[in-house]
Structure formats: C-alpha cells, structure tokens
Amino acid sequence: MSKICDLTTASKKDIKDQYKREAIELGKPIGTNNHTLIYSGTNLGLMGLLTESAKRYSAKTIGILPKIFKR
C-alpha cells in the first residue's frame, strides 16, 4: 500500500525559526514511516526544509512545478 503525503508550504525566505524547526521535524515521520512526499517542486523556504528533512529520513520525494514557474 502506498503512503503519500501531498504538502504545500511557504517558499519565502523570511520565516520565523519556530516554523523552520517544525518543517524539519515534520520531515522525520514522513521518511521514517516510508511515505512519499509530493510537493510543489521548489527548494525554497519551508518547502525546501521539509523536503530535505524527509529525504534525510529516506522518504521518496516528487516535486511538481507548473510550467509557468520554470525558467
């Protein structure tokens, strides 16, 4: 059975440290419980922290970035 998490968070850089810590903590159960994280495709802000944390704990990650945002 697949376990999929689809999350979208802030991608801005000016974020309080408390929210950064929470994003990093959220990545741990996603990875350790063998979930797949589907995210907005950006590596900025909370989304970047969450994605990197989930990867660190062995989660599979899939980034989806709409064409309008691609350079």
C-alpha atoms as a PDB file:
ATOM      1  CA  MET A   1       0.000   0.000   0.000  1.00  0.00           C
ATOM      2  CA  SER A   2       1.344   3.413  -0.951  1.00  0.00           C
ATOM      3  CA  LYS A   3       1.609   6.095   1.679  1.00  0.00           C
ATOM      4  CA  ILE A   4       1.550   9.501   0.038  1.00  0.00           C
ATOM      5  CA  CYS A   5       1.741  12.960   1.598  1.00  0.00           C
ATOM      6  CA  ASP A   6       0.884  15.942  -0.576  1.00  0.00           C
ATOM      7  CA  LEU A   7       2.039  19.151   1.089  1.00  0.00           C
ATOM      8  CA  THR A   8       2.404  22.768   0.149  1.00  0.00           C
ATOM      9  CA  THR A   9       4.122  25.263   2.442  1.00  0.00           C
ATOM     10  CA  ALA A  10       5.608  28.731   2.257  1.00  0.00           C
ATOM     11  CA  SER A  11       8.521  29.119  -0.121  1.00  0.00           C
ATOM     12  CA  LYS A  12       9.556  32.585   1.023  1.00  0.00           C
ATOM     13  CA  LYS A  13      12.877  33.086   2.798  1.00  0.00           C
ATOM     14  CA  ASP A  14      11.788  35.403   5.635  1.00  0.00           C
ATOM     15  CA  ILE A  15      10.313  32.799   8.000  1.00  0.00           C
ATOM     16  CA  LYS A  16      10.404  32.582  11.790  1.00  0.00           C
ATOM     17  CA  ASP A  17      12.801  29.994  13.227  1.00  0.00           C
ATOM     18  CA  GLN A  18       9.941  28.225  15.018  1.00  0.00           C
ATOM     19  CA  TYR A  19       8.293  27.398  11.679  1.00  0.00           C
ATOM     20  CA  LYS A  20      11.609  26.242  10.230  1.00  0.00           C
ATOM     21  CA  ARG A  21      12.106  23.823  13.137  1.00  0.00           C
ATOM     22  CA  GLU A  22       8.568  22.475  12.722  1.00  0.00           C
ATOM     23  CA  ALA A  23       9.085  21.876   8.984  1.00  0.00           C
ATOM     24  CA  ILE A  24      12.284  19.966   9.691  1.00  0.00           C
ATOM     25  CA  GLU A  25      10.555  17.895  12.413  1.00  0.00           C
ATOM     26  CA  LEU A  26       7.672  17.069  10.071  1.00  0.00           C
ATOM     27  CA  GLY A  27      10.106  15.501   7.602  1.00  0.00           C
ATOM     28  CA  LYS A  28      11.169  12.834  10.098  1.00  0.00           C
ATOM     29  CA  PRO A  29       7.873  10.894  10.361  1.00  0.00           C
ATOM     30  CA  ILE A  30       7.312  11.231   6.628  1.00  0.00           C
ATOM     31  CA  GLY A  31      10.611   9.472   5.957  1.00  0.00           C
ATOM     32  CA  THR A  32      10.691   7.002   8.823  1.00  0.00           C
ATOM     33  CA  ASN A  33       7.165   5.805   8.003  1.00  0.00           C
ATOM     34  CA  ASN A  34       8.054   5.182   4.345  1.00  0.00           C
ATOM     35  CA  HIS A  35       5.785   7.890   2.943  1.00  0.00           C
ATOM     36  CA  THR A  36       6.221   9.518  -0.439  1.00  0.00           C
ATOM     37  CA  LEU A  37       6.220  13.308  -0.271  1.00  0.00           C
ATOM     38  CA  ILE A  38       4.662  15.087  -3.236  1.00  0.00           C
ATOM     39  CA  TYR A  39       5.491  18.769  -3.046  1.00  0.00           C
ATOM     40  CA  SER A  40       5.385  21.978  -5.024  1.00  0.00           C
ATOM     41  CA  GLY A  41       8.754  21.395  -6.652  1.00  0.00           C
ATOM     42  CA  THR A  42      10.616  24.263  -5.040  1.00  0.00           C
ATOM     43  CA  ASN A  43      13.572  24.028  -2.697  1.00  0.00           C
ATOM     44  CA  LEU A  44      12.928  27.393  -1.046  1.00  0.00           C
ATOM     45  CA  GLY A  45      11.690  28.262   2.440  1.00  0.00           C
ATOM     46  CA  LEU A  46       9.719  25.766   4.473  1.00  0.00           C
ATOM     47  CA  MET A  47       9.116  23.533   1.464  1.00  0.00           C
ATOM     48  CA  GLY A  48      12.861  23.146   0.939  1.00  0.00           C
ATOM     49  CA  LEU A  49      13.489  22.410   4.617  1.00  0.00           C
ATOM     50  CA  LEU A  50      10.670  19.879   4.779  1.00  0.00           C
ATOM     51  CA  THR A  51      11.765  18.124   1.593  1.00  0.00           C
ATOM     52  CA  GLU A  52      15.406  17.882   2.634  1.00  0.00           C
ATOM     53  CA  SER A  53      14.413  16.562   6.045  1.00  0.00           C
ATOM     54  CA  ALA A  54      12.103  13.934   4.551  1.00  0.00           C
ATOM     55  CA  LYS A  55      14.876  12.840   2.166  1.00  0.00           C
ATOM     56  CA  ARG A  56      17.324  12.616   5.068  1.00  0.00           C
ATOM     57  CA  TYR A  57      14.981  10.078   6.664  1.00  0.00           C
ATOM     58  CA  SER A  58      14.649   8.037   3.437  1.00  0.00           C
ATOM     59  CA  ALA A  59      11.365   9.387   2.061  1.00  0.00           C
ATOM     60  CA  LYS A  60      10.811   9.276  -1.667  1.00  0.00           C
ATOM     61  CA  THR A  61      10.096  12.810  -2.873  1.00  0.00           C
ATOM     62  CA  ILE A  62       8.363  14.013  -6.028  1.00  0.00           C
ATOM     63  CA  GLY A  63       8.467  17.693  -6.926  1.00  0.00           C
ATOM     64  CA  ILE A  64       5.830  19.123  -9.249  1.00  0.00           C
ATOM     65  CA  LEU A  65       6.493  22.590 -10.607  1.00  0.00           C
ATOM     66  CA  PRO A  66       3.994  24.166 -13.021  1.00  0.00           C
ATOM     67  CA  LYS A  67       5.472  25.300 -16.362  1.00  0.00           C
ATOM     68  CA  ILE A  68       4.637  28.925 -15.543  1.00  0.00           C
ATOM     69  CA  PHE A  69       7.320  28.875 -12.821  1.00  0.00           C
ATOM     70  CA  LYS A  70      10.050  27.215 -14.888  1.00  0.00           C
ATOM     71  CA  ARG A  71      12.749  29.430 -16.345  1.00  0.00           C
END
